[in-house]
Amino acid sequence: MIVVTGAAGFIGSCMVKRLNEAGYSDILAVDEFSRPEKNRNLEGKKLWGQMHRNNFVRWLERNHTDVDAVIHLGARTDTTEQNVQIFNELNLEYSRALWMICAGFDIPLLYASSAATYGLGEHGYIDDHATIHLLKPLNPYGQSKQDFDVWVLETAFGSSVNGQPPHWAGFKFFNVYGPNEYHKGRMASVIFHTARQIKATGAMKLFRSHRPDFQDGAQSRDFIYVKDVVDVLLHFLEKKPEKGIYNLGTGQARTFLDLAKGTFHAMGLEPQISFIDTPMDIRDTYQYYTQANMDKLRAAGYTEPFIGLEEGITDYVQRYLKEEQIW
């Protein structure tokens, strides 16, 4: 059995779909299942069963012999949330508990970290274990992911080594976009919001730059299509490359202006783009540039090309967003 936590969420539900496509149906979906619009992501998917996240840790302790691997994608992902205790409970302590059970019972573990751990990128965007402890995230969400990454490296390789799963890998997700994010509200991808705004108004408003070294719309991100993300996770599940923490982006930063224009074109429209001030509650912690160094993932044996931004936008907009289809 494969366990997917966060299974009703954006990336989690896409992971379940990819597992189904690869022939896996013995899947336990773990989430909190309180939102019908989110649970829709699991419609039509083949599962062994569903379980509330609050019951899963105890269940895993008792039923570990039934589990072949855990793919831990469940987390609180709201980058504007300031309650540190929420992140400590859901992102840090819960993840530690799963790690220790997987270590104790020899269960492979894959887990989601985040590019939010890189903060302003003072130390670059390189997934080198030797420099991960230096990173300075800009918000409590990123800090919770950073705290777990540091704990993992200390536990697996440091002076306080006290066990690790037989195979494990963490992934610093960069800006993931794609189907099944309809429930995410403000935290959905810019492509999602662009398409919605274009449908409603015929135009798109992007955040204005508040830095002299970036023109309006030139803020850049490493955007990765969710179908690439789950392909990489499936590769690690089956091939078990070297243990460690890996970047998961495309290795190519693209501007928000590129993204918005690509969305207009995918909708068959000429771009109508204007700019508004970045909201004050995120302005001081807003990343102006991210680009994953992908050398480590490539060296680990993942050789498939990543879907280009325009191709990914077209697939997302025309196959899914147009009629709000799930994958």
Protein backbone atom coordinates (compact mmCIF):
# COMPACT_ATOMS: atom_id res chain seq x y z
CA MET A 1 0.00 0.00 0.00
CA ILE A 2 1.12 3.55 -0.81
CA VAL A 3 0.04 6.30 1.59
CA VAL A 4 -0.42 9.85 0.26
CA THR A 5 -0.96 12.56 2.87
CA GLY A 6 -2.65 15.76 1.75
CA ALA A 7 -4.34 13.50 -0.79
CA ALA A 8 -7.39 15.69 -1.36
CA GLY A 9 -5.21 18.76 -1.91
CA PHE A 10 -3.67 20.15 -5.07
CA ILE A 11 -0.42 18.21 -5.44
CA GLY A 12 -1.63 15.27 -3.36
CA SER A 13 -4.61 14.54 -5.59
CA CYS A 14 -2.42 14.84 -8.69
CA MET A 15 -0.04 12.35 -7.06
CA VAL A 16 -2.91 9.91 -6.57
CA LYS A 17 -3.88 10.35 -10.23
CA ARG A 18 -0.29 9.70 -11.36
CA LEU A 19 -0.07 6.60 -9.16
CA ASN A 20 -3.32 5.31 -10.67
CA GLU A 21 -1.94 5.88 -14.15
CA ALA A 22 1.17 3.90 -13.19
CA GLY A 23 -0.97 0.97 -12.05
CA TYR A 24 -1.23 1.66 -8.31
CA SER A 25 -4.71 1.43 -6.80
CA ASP A 26 -3.80 0.23 -3.29
CA ILE A 27 -3.59 3.81 -2.00
CA LEU A 28 -4.56 5.23 1.39
CA ALA A 29 -5.61 8.86 1.05
CA VAL A 30 -4.90 10.87 4.22
CA ASP A 31 -6.35 14.37 4.70
CA GLU A 32 -8.90 16.17 6.86
CA PHE A 33 -11.76 15.93 4.29
CA SER A 34 -13.82 18.82 5.68
CA ARG A 35 -14.24 20.77 2.44
CA PRO A 36 -16.44 19.36 -0.36
CA GLU A 37 -14.80 21.59 -2.99
CA LYS A 38 -11.43 20.07 -2.05
CA ASN A 39 -12.69 16.48 -1.75
CA ARG A 40 -13.86 16.76 -5.37
CA ASN A 41 -10.20 16.28 -6.32
CA LEU A 42 -10.47 12.59 -5.40
CA GLU A 43 -13.55 11.87 -7.52
CA GLY A 44 -12.97 8.97 -9.91
CA LYS A 45 -9.65 7.98 -8.39
CA LYS A 46 -8.85 4.42 -7.28
CA LEU A 47 -8.16 4.17 -3.55
CA TRP A 48 -7.86 1.51 -0.86
CA GLY A 49 -9.44 3.95 1.53
CA GLN A 50 -9.46 7.38 3.16
CA MET A 51 -8.36 8.40 6.67
CA HIS A 52 -8.44 11.63 8.66
CA ARG A 53 -4.95 12.96 9.31
CA ASN A 54 -5.55 13.01 13.07
CA ASN A 55 -5.98 9.23 13.08
CA PHE A 56 -3.18 8.36 10.69
CA VAL A 57 -0.12 8.41 12.97
CA ARG A 58 -1.64 5.90 15.38
CA TRP A 59 -2.94 3.79 12.49
CA LEU A 60 0.51 3.71 10.89
CA GLU A 61 2.10 2.53 14.14
CA ARG A 62 -0.33 -0.37 14.27
CA ASN A 63 -0.49 -1.22 10.55
CA HIS A 64 3.03 -0.46 9.37
CA THR A 65 3.48 -3.92 7.83
CA ASP A 66 0.79 -3.05 5.26
CA VAL A 67 2.56 0.09 4.05
CA ASP A 68 5.16 0.07 1.27
CA ALA A 69 5.85 3.82 1.26
CA VAL A 70 4.57 7.16 2.54
CA ILE A 71 4.38 10.21 0.27
CA HIS A 72 3.92 13.07 2.71
CA LEU A 73 2.41 16.06 0.91
CA GLY A 74 0.01 17.26 3.60
CA ALA A 75 0.85 20.64 5.16
CA ARG A 76 -0.50 24.04 6.07
CA THR A 77 0.60 26.07 3.03
CA ASP A 78 -0.81 29.55 3.66
CA THR A 79 2.18 31.88 3.33
CA THR A 80 0.22 34.77 4.90
CA GLU A 81 -0.63 32.86 8.10
CA GLN A 82 1.35 34.27 11.03
CA ASN A 83 0.36 31.78 13.76
CA VAL A 84 3.61 29.90 14.31
CA GLN A 85 1.92 27.27 16.49
CA ILE A 86 -0.24 26.10 13.58
CA PHE A 87 2.84 25.49 11.46
CA ASN A 88 4.75 23.85 14.31
CA GLU A 89 1.91 21.41 14.83
CA LEU A 90 0.95 20.57 11.23
CA ASN A 91 4.22 21.03 9.32
CA LEU A 92 6.95 20.28 11.84
CA GLU A 93 5.76 17.97 14.62
CA TYR A 94 3.46 15.91 12.40
CA SER A 95 6.27 15.43 9.88
CA ARG A 96 8.73 14.43 12.63
CA ALA A 97 6.25 11.83 13.89
CA LEU A 98 5.90 10.30 10.43
CA TRP A 99 9.68 10.29 9.95
CA MET A 100 10.29 8.47 13.21
CA ILE A 101 7.64 5.82 12.48
CA CYS A 102 8.99 5.28 8.97
CA ALA A 103 12.51 5.04 10.38
CA GLY A 104 11.44 2.61 13.08
CA PHE A 105 9.56 0.29 10.75
CA ASP A 106 11.71 0.62 7.58
CA ILE A 107 9.12 2.42 5.45
CA PRO A 108 10.37 4.61 2.58
CA LEU A 109 9.35 8.27 2.93
CA LEU A 110 9.09 11.07 0.38
CA TYR A 111 8.12 14.50 1.67
CA ALA A 112 7.41 18.03 0.46
CA SER A 113 9.65 20.91 1.46
CA SER A 114 9.43 24.29 -0.28
CA ALA A 115 11.42 26.90 -2.15
CA ALA A 116 10.04 29.29 0.48
CA THR A 117 12.95 28.05 2.62
CA TYR A 118 15.33 30.06 0.39
CA GLY A 119 13.98 33.43 1.55
CA LEU A 120 15.50 36.23 -0.51
CA GLY A 121 18.00 33.84 -2.07
CA GLU A 122 21.00 35.26 -0.23
CA HIS A 123 22.71 31.87 -0.44
CA GLY A 124 21.45 31.01 -3.91
CA TYR A 125 18.95 28.32 -4.81
CA ILE A 126 21.26 25.33 -4.48
CA ASP A 127 20.10 22.17 -2.67
CA ASP A 128 23.47 21.54 -1.03
CA HIS A 129 23.11 19.87 2.37
CA ALA A 130 26.11 21.84 3.64
CA THR A 131 24.35 25.20 3.22
CA ILE A 132 20.71 24.37 3.96
CA HIS A 133 21.10 25.35 7.63
CA LEU A 134 22.08 28.90 6.54
CA LEU A 135 18.78 29.64 4.79
CA LYS A 136 16.52 32.40 6.13
CA PRO A 137 12.84 32.00 5.17
CA LEU A 138 10.65 35.09 5.07
CA ASN A 139 7.48 33.77 6.75
CA PRO A 140 6.35 31.17 9.31
CA TYR A 141 5.33 28.73 6.57
CA GLY A 142 8.82 28.75 5.04
CA GLN A 143 10.40 28.54 8.49
CA SER A 144 8.39 25.43 9.36
CA LYS A 145 9.64 23.73 6.20
CA GLN A 146 13.19 24.90 6.93
CA ASP A 147 13.04 23.62 10.51
CA PHE A 148 12.02 20.17 9.32
CA ASP A 149 14.70 20.05 6.62
CA VAL A 150 17.40 20.97 9.15
CA TRP A 151 16.07 18.40 11.62
CA VAL A 152 16.04 15.73 8.89
CA LEU A 153 19.66 16.38 7.93
CA GLU A 154 20.78 16.37 11.56
CA THR A 155 18.83 13.19 12.24
CA ALA A 156 20.02 11.37 9.12
CA PHE A 157 23.62 12.57 8.87
CA GLY A 158 24.54 14.66 11.91
CA SER A 159 25.85 14.04 15.40
CA SER A 160 22.40 13.16 16.71
CA VAL A 161 21.79 10.34 14.26
CA ASN A 162 18.92 8.26 15.62
CA GLY A 163 17.55 6.45 12.63
CA GLN A 164 16.23 7.20 9.19
CA PRO A 165 13.86 5.52 6.75
CA PRO A 166 15.49 2.94 4.45
CA HIS A 167 14.94 5.35 1.59
CA TRP A 168 13.87 8.98 1.84
CA ALA A 169 13.91 12.23 -0.11
CA GLY A 170 12.63 15.74 0.50
CA PHE A 171 11.69 18.10 -2.34
CA LYS A 172 11.88 21.87 -2.32
CA PHE A 173 8.88 22.59 -4.53
CA PHE A 174 9.21 25.82 -6.49
CA ASN A 175 6.10 27.52 -7.95
CA VAL A 176 3.80 24.64 -8.79
CA TYR A 177 0.73 25.23 -10.96
CA GLY A 178 -1.85 23.02 -12.59
CA PRO A 179 -5.22 21.29 -12.20
CA ASN A 180 -6.93 20.53 -8.88
CA GLU A 181 -6.10 23.85 -7.19
CA TYR A 182 -9.64 25.26 -7.42
CA HIS A 183 -10.07 25.15 -3.63
CA LYS A 184 -6.90 27.08 -2.76
CA GLY A 185 -8.32 30.59 -2.92
CA ARG A 186 -5.68 33.26 -2.50
CA MET A 187 -2.92 30.62 -2.41
CA ALA A 188 -3.75 29.26 -5.88
CA SER A 189 -1.21 29.85 -8.66
CA VAL A 190 -0.98 33.12 -10.56
CA ILE A 191 -2.08 31.27 -13.70
CA PHE A 192 -5.30 30.24 -11.94
CA HIS A 193 -5.98 33.82 -10.82
CA THR A 194 -5.04 35.23 -14.22
CA ALA A 195 -7.50 32.97 -16.03
CA ARG A 196 -10.24 33.80 -13.51
CA GLN A 197 -9.61 37.52 -13.78
CA ILE A 198 -9.55 37.44 -17.58
CA LYS A 199 -12.86 35.55 -17.64
CA ALA A 200 -14.43 38.12 -15.32
CA THR A 201 -12.96 41.37 -16.65
CA GLY A 202 -11.12 40.69 -19.91
CA ALA A 203 -7.91 41.97 -18.30
CA MET A 204 -5.25 41.06 -15.70
CA LYS A 205 -3.69 43.09 -12.91
CA LEU A 206 -0.20 42.06 -11.82
CA PHE A 207 1.72 43.26 -8.79
CA ARG A 208 3.77 46.38 -9.38
CA SER A 209 7.48 46.17 -8.56
CA HIS A 210 8.52 47.99 -5.39
CA ARG A 211 12.21 47.57 -6.11
CA PRO A 212 14.20 49.80 -8.48
CA ASP A 213 16.12 46.84 -9.92
CA PHE A 214 12.95 45.13 -11.21
CA GLN A 215 10.53 46.54 -13.75
CA ASP A 216 6.81 46.00 -13.23
CA GLY A 217 5.97 42.41 -14.19
CA ALA A 218 9.63 41.38 -14.31
CA GLN A 219 9.43 39.61 -10.96
CA SER A 220 10.43 36.05 -11.81
CA ARG A 221 9.72 32.58 -10.53
CA ASP A 222 10.66 29.04 -11.43
CA PHE A 223 7.20 27.80 -12.45
CA ILE A 224 6.78 24.02 -12.65
CA TYR A 225 3.75 22.14 -13.93
CA VAL A 226 2.27 19.76 -11.37
CA LYS A 227 2.45 16.87 -13.86
CA ASP A 228 6.26 17.19 -13.81
CA VAL A 229 6.26 17.28 -10.01
CA VAL A 230 4.38 14.00 -9.65
CA ASP A 231 6.51 12.36 -12.36
CA VAL A 232 9.61 13.14 -10.29
CA LEU A 233 7.99 11.78 -7.13
CA LEU A 234 6.99 8.58 -8.93
CA HIS A 235 10.58 8.22 -10.19
CA PHE A 236 11.92 8.45 -6.63
CA LEU A 237 9.29 6.05 -5.36
CA GLU A 238 10.24 3.40 -7.89
CA LYS A 239 13.94 3.98 -8.60
CA LYS A 240 15.07 5.08 -5.12
CA PRO A 241 17.95 7.42 -6.04
CA GLU A 242 20.35 8.74 -3.40
CA LYS A 243 18.75 9.93 -0.16
CA GLY A 244 18.64 13.66 0.34
CA ILE A 245 16.87 16.98 -0.13
CA TYR A 246 16.34 18.02 -3.74
CA ASN A 247 15.17 21.11 -5.59
CA LEU A 248 12.09 20.53 -7.69
CA GLY A 249 11.65 23.26 -10.27
CA THR A 250 12.52 23.51 -13.95
CA GLY A 251 15.80 25.39 -13.56
CA GLN A 252 14.41 28.28 -15.63
CA ALA A 253 13.00 31.48 -14.09
CA ARG A 254 10.22 33.20 -16.06
CA THR A 255 8.55 36.55 -15.45
CA PHE A 256 5.00 37.10 -14.31
CA LEU A 257 4.56 39.10 -17.51
CA ASP A 258 5.48 35.98 -19.52
CA LEU A 259 3.00 34.00 -17.48
CA ALA A 260 0.16 36.47 -17.93
CA LYS A 261 0.74 36.80 -21.68
CA GLY A 262 0.85 33.01 -22.01
CA THR A 263 -2.49 32.73 -20.23
CA PHE A 264 -4.13 35.31 -22.52
CA HIS A 265 -2.79 33.48 -25.57
CA ALA A 266 -4.01 30.10 -24.26
CA MET A 267 -7.46 31.68 -23.98
CA GLY A 268 -7.24 33.05 -27.52
CA LEU A 269 -7.10 36.68 -26.39
CA GLU A 270 -4.77 39.64 -26.78
CA PRO A 271 -3.06 40.59 -23.49
CA GLN A 272 -4.62 43.41 -21.47
CA ILE A 273 -2.30 43.84 -18.47
CA SER A 274 -2.04 46.57 -15.83
CA PHE A 275 -0.31 46.83 -12.46
CA ILE A 276 -1.41 47.30 -8.83
CA ASP A 277 0.54 47.72 -5.61
CA THR A 278 1.65 44.53 -3.87
CA PRO A 279 -0.51 44.10 -0.73
CA MET A 280 1.15 45.43 2.38
CA ASP A 281 0.78 42.14 4.30
CA ILE A 282 3.12 40.35 1.88
CA ARG A 283 5.18 43.22 0.44
CA ASP A 284 8.13 42.91 2.83
CA THR A 285 8.39 39.14 2.36
CA TYR A 286 7.76 39.00 -1.39
CA GLN A 287 10.30 37.02 -3.41
CA TYR A 288 11.32 38.83 -6.60
CA TYR A 289 13.32 35.98 -8.10
CA THR A 290 13.62 32.23 -7.71
CA GLN A 291 15.36 29.71 -9.96
CA ALA A 292 16.14 26.17 -8.91
CA ASN A 293 19.56 24.70 -9.47
CA MET A 294 18.59 21.29 -10.86
CA ASP A 295 22.04 19.68 -11.12
CA LYS A 296 21.47 17.42 -8.11
CA LEU A 297 18.19 15.98 -9.40
CA ARG A 298 19.73 15.36 -12.82
CA ALA A 299 22.76 13.70 -11.24
CA ALA A 300 20.35 11.43 -9.34
CA GLY A 301 19.18 10.00 -12.66
CA TYR A 302 16.06 11.97 -13.53
CA THR A 303 16.56 12.78 -17.21
CA GLU A 304 13.05 13.61 -18.47
CA PRO A 305 12.60 17.15 -19.87
CA PHE A 306 10.35 19.54 -17.99
CA ILE A 307 7.24 20.98 -19.62
CA GLY A 308 7.83 24.54 -20.83
CA LEU A 309 5.80 27.37 -19.33
CA GLU A 310 3.75 28.14 -22.44
CA GLU A 311 3.03 24.44 -23.06
CA GLY A 312 2.04 23.91 -19.43
CA ILE A 313 -0.21 26.97 -19.39
CA THR A 314 -1.95 25.85 -22.57
CA ASP A 315 -2.58 22.36 -21.21
CA TYR A 316 -3.82 23.71 -17.89
CA VAL A 317 -6.07 26.42 -19.31
CA GLN A 318 -7.58 24.51 -22.21
CA ARG A 319 -7.96 21.03 -20.69
CA TYR A 320 -8.82 21.95 -17.10
CA LEU A 321 -9.49 25.60 -16.25
CA LYS A 322 -11.82 26.21 -19.18
CA GLU A 323 -14.48 23.90 -17.72
CA GLU A 324 -13.00 23.54 -14.20
CA GLN A 325 -12.10 19.92 -14.79
CA ILE A 326 -10.03 17.91 -12.32
CA TRP A 327 -7.16 15.62 -13.26
